[in-house]
Amino acid sequence: KYESLNKFLSDTIEKELKAFYFKAFRRRSKNLETLDLIKECYLDQIDLFNNYLEQLLKSFKEKRSKSLLIEDLTKFKNFEGCNKKIMKFVVSEIQKIDDSVNFDSDETKYLFEFDD
């Protein structure tokens, strides 16, 4: 597991990405090969999410740059499998670092807009 990420956040990422990939592959036959492919996809994506978020949170703790944070979150939003639930938990972690960061503004509301 990822030590510097909150367990609830990392568990949420894992659960959401598993659901995303099972849904993405639902039209394919349910054989061992497909299940292995799904597992490979979500495990790679879980690693990507966790590594990226560890860096994002570390960078924000050190620099406290809101513009860099928004830029990093915008990149993260476009990761395959990212969704509103994951983004809300990420924002919650950011606000634990600095509760003055406001995500209710017009400039950041797009971070929570996803195609379902």
Protein backbone atom coordinates (compact mmCIF):
# COMPACT_ATOMS: atom_id res chain seq x y z
CA LYS A 1 0.00 0.00 0.00
CA TYR A 2 0.93 3.64 -0.28
CA GLU A 3 2.15 4.95 3.05
CA SER A 4 1.71 8.67 2.51
CA LEU A 5 -1.85 8.44 1.19
CA ASN A 6 -4.76 8.28 3.58
CA LYS A 7 -6.00 4.67 3.73
CA PHE A 8 -9.57 5.71 2.99
CA LEU A 9 -8.42 7.59 -0.13
CA SER A 10 -6.29 4.70 -1.40
CA ASP A 11 -9.11 2.21 -0.70
CA THR A 12 -11.58 4.45 -2.54
CA ILE A 13 -9.24 4.72 -5.53
CA GLU A 14 -8.87 0.94 -5.64
CA LYS A 15 -12.62 0.31 -5.37
CA GLU A 16 -13.57 2.96 -7.95
CA LEU A 17 -10.95 1.86 -10.49
CA LYS A 18 -11.91 -1.80 -10.18
CA ALA A 19 -15.54 -0.85 -10.83
CA PHE A 20 -14.52 1.38 -13.75
CA TYR A 21 -12.53 -1.37 -15.49
CA PHE A 22 -15.10 -4.11 -14.90
CA LYS A 23 -17.71 -1.79 -16.39
CA ALA A 24 -15.42 -0.88 -19.32
CA PHE A 25 -14.92 -4.55 -20.20
CA ARG A 26 -18.48 -5.73 -19.54
CA ARG A 27 -19.21 -6.47 -23.20
CA ARG A 28 -16.31 -8.89 -23.48
CA SER A 29 -16.53 -12.56 -22.64
CA LYS A 30 -15.92 -13.41 -19.00
CA ASN A 31 -12.96 -15.72 -19.41
CA LEU A 32 -9.68 -15.84 -17.50
CA GLU A 33 -7.88 -13.83 -20.17
CA THR A 34 -10.36 -10.95 -19.88
CA LEU A 35 -10.22 -11.03 -16.09
CA ASP A 36 -6.41 -10.94 -16.20
CA LEU A 37 -6.56 -7.98 -18.59
CA ILE A 38 -8.98 -6.12 -16.32
CA LYS A 39 -6.78 -6.80 -13.30
CA GLU A 40 -3.66 -5.63 -15.14
CA CYS A 41 -5.44 -2.41 -16.18
CA TYR A 42 -6.74 -1.51 -12.76
CA LEU A 43 -3.52 -2.43 -10.94
CA ASP A 44 -1.49 -0.22 -13.30
CA GLN A 45 -3.99 2.60 -12.91
CA ILE A 46 -4.06 2.28 -9.10
CA ASP A 47 -0.25 2.63 -9.10
CA LEU A 48 -0.45 5.63 -11.41
CA PHE A 49 -3.12 7.36 -9.28
CA ASN A 50 -1.35 6.71 -5.98
CA ASN A 51 2.09 7.75 -7.24
CA TYR A 52 0.71 10.89 -8.86
CA LEU A 53 -1.30 11.87 -5.79
CA GLU A 54 1.64 11.27 -3.45
CA GLN A 55 3.68 13.69 -5.55
CA LEU A 56 0.82 16.18 -5.83
CA LEU A 57 0.24 16.25 -2.06
CA LYS A 58 3.96 16.41 -1.30
CA SER A 59 4.44 19.25 -3.76
CA PHE A 60 1.50 21.16 -2.30
CA LYS A 61 2.79 20.70 1.27
CA GLU A 62 6.16 22.10 0.25
CA LYS A 63 5.19 24.90 -2.15
CA ARG A 64 1.62 25.83 -1.17
CA SER A 65 1.05 26.99 -4.73
CA LYS A 66 -2.64 27.03 -5.59
CA SER A 67 -2.01 27.60 -9.31
CA LEU A 68 0.32 24.58 -9.49
CA LEU A 69 -2.18 22.55 -7.46
CA ILE A 70 -5.03 23.40 -9.86
CA GLU A 71 -2.80 22.53 -12.82
CA ASP A 72 -1.92 19.15 -11.23
CA LEU A 73 -5.56 18.43 -10.37
CA THR A 74 -6.62 19.28 -13.92
CA LYS A 75 -4.13 16.70 -15.25
CA PHE A 76 -5.33 14.19 -12.67
CA LYS A 77 -8.98 14.76 -13.61
CA ASN A 78 -8.19 13.51 -17.11
CA PHE A 79 -6.70 10.20 -15.93
CA GLU A 80 -8.75 7.26 -17.14
CA GLY A 81 -11.08 6.18 -14.35
CA CYS A 82 -10.97 9.43 -12.38
CA ASN A 83 -14.41 10.41 -11.14
CA LYS A 84 -16.23 12.84 -8.88
CA LYS A 85 -15.98 10.58 -5.83
CA ILE A 86 -12.20 10.19 -6.13
CA MET A 87 -11.77 13.92 -6.76
CA LYS A 88 -13.81 14.81 -3.65
CA PHE A 89 -11.60 12.60 -1.49
CA VAL A 90 -8.45 14.12 -3.02
CA VAL A 91 -9.76 17.62 -2.29
CA SER A 92 -10.53 16.54 1.27
CA GLU A 93 -6.87 15.51 1.69
CA ILE A 94 -5.71 18.83 0.26
CA GLN A 95 -7.92 20.72 2.69
CA LYS A 96 -6.36 18.79 5.60
CA ILE A 97 -3.04 20.30 4.52
CA ASP A 98 -4.45 23.80 4.04
CA ASP A 99 -8.11 24.47 4.77
CA SER A 100 -7.93 27.92 3.20
CA VAL A 101 -7.90 26.36 -0.28
CA ASN A 102 -11.37 26.93 -1.69
CA PHE A 103 -12.81 24.55 -4.28
CA ASP A 104 -16.22 26.20 -4.49
CA SER A 105 -15.19 28.92 -6.90
CA ASP A 106 -16.10 29.18 -10.57
CA GLU A 107 -12.45 28.62 -11.47
CA THR A 108 -12.40 25.16 -9.89
CA LYS A 109 -15.93 23.81 -10.29
CA TYR A 110 -14.97 22.08 -13.56
CA LEU A 111 -12.76 19.73 -11.50
CA PHE A 112 -15.95 18.03 -10.30
CA GLU A 113 -17.72 17.81 -13.65
CA PHE A 114 -17.48 14.32 -15.11
CA ASP A 115 -19.36 12.43 -17.81
CA ASP A 116 -21.08 9.55 -16.06
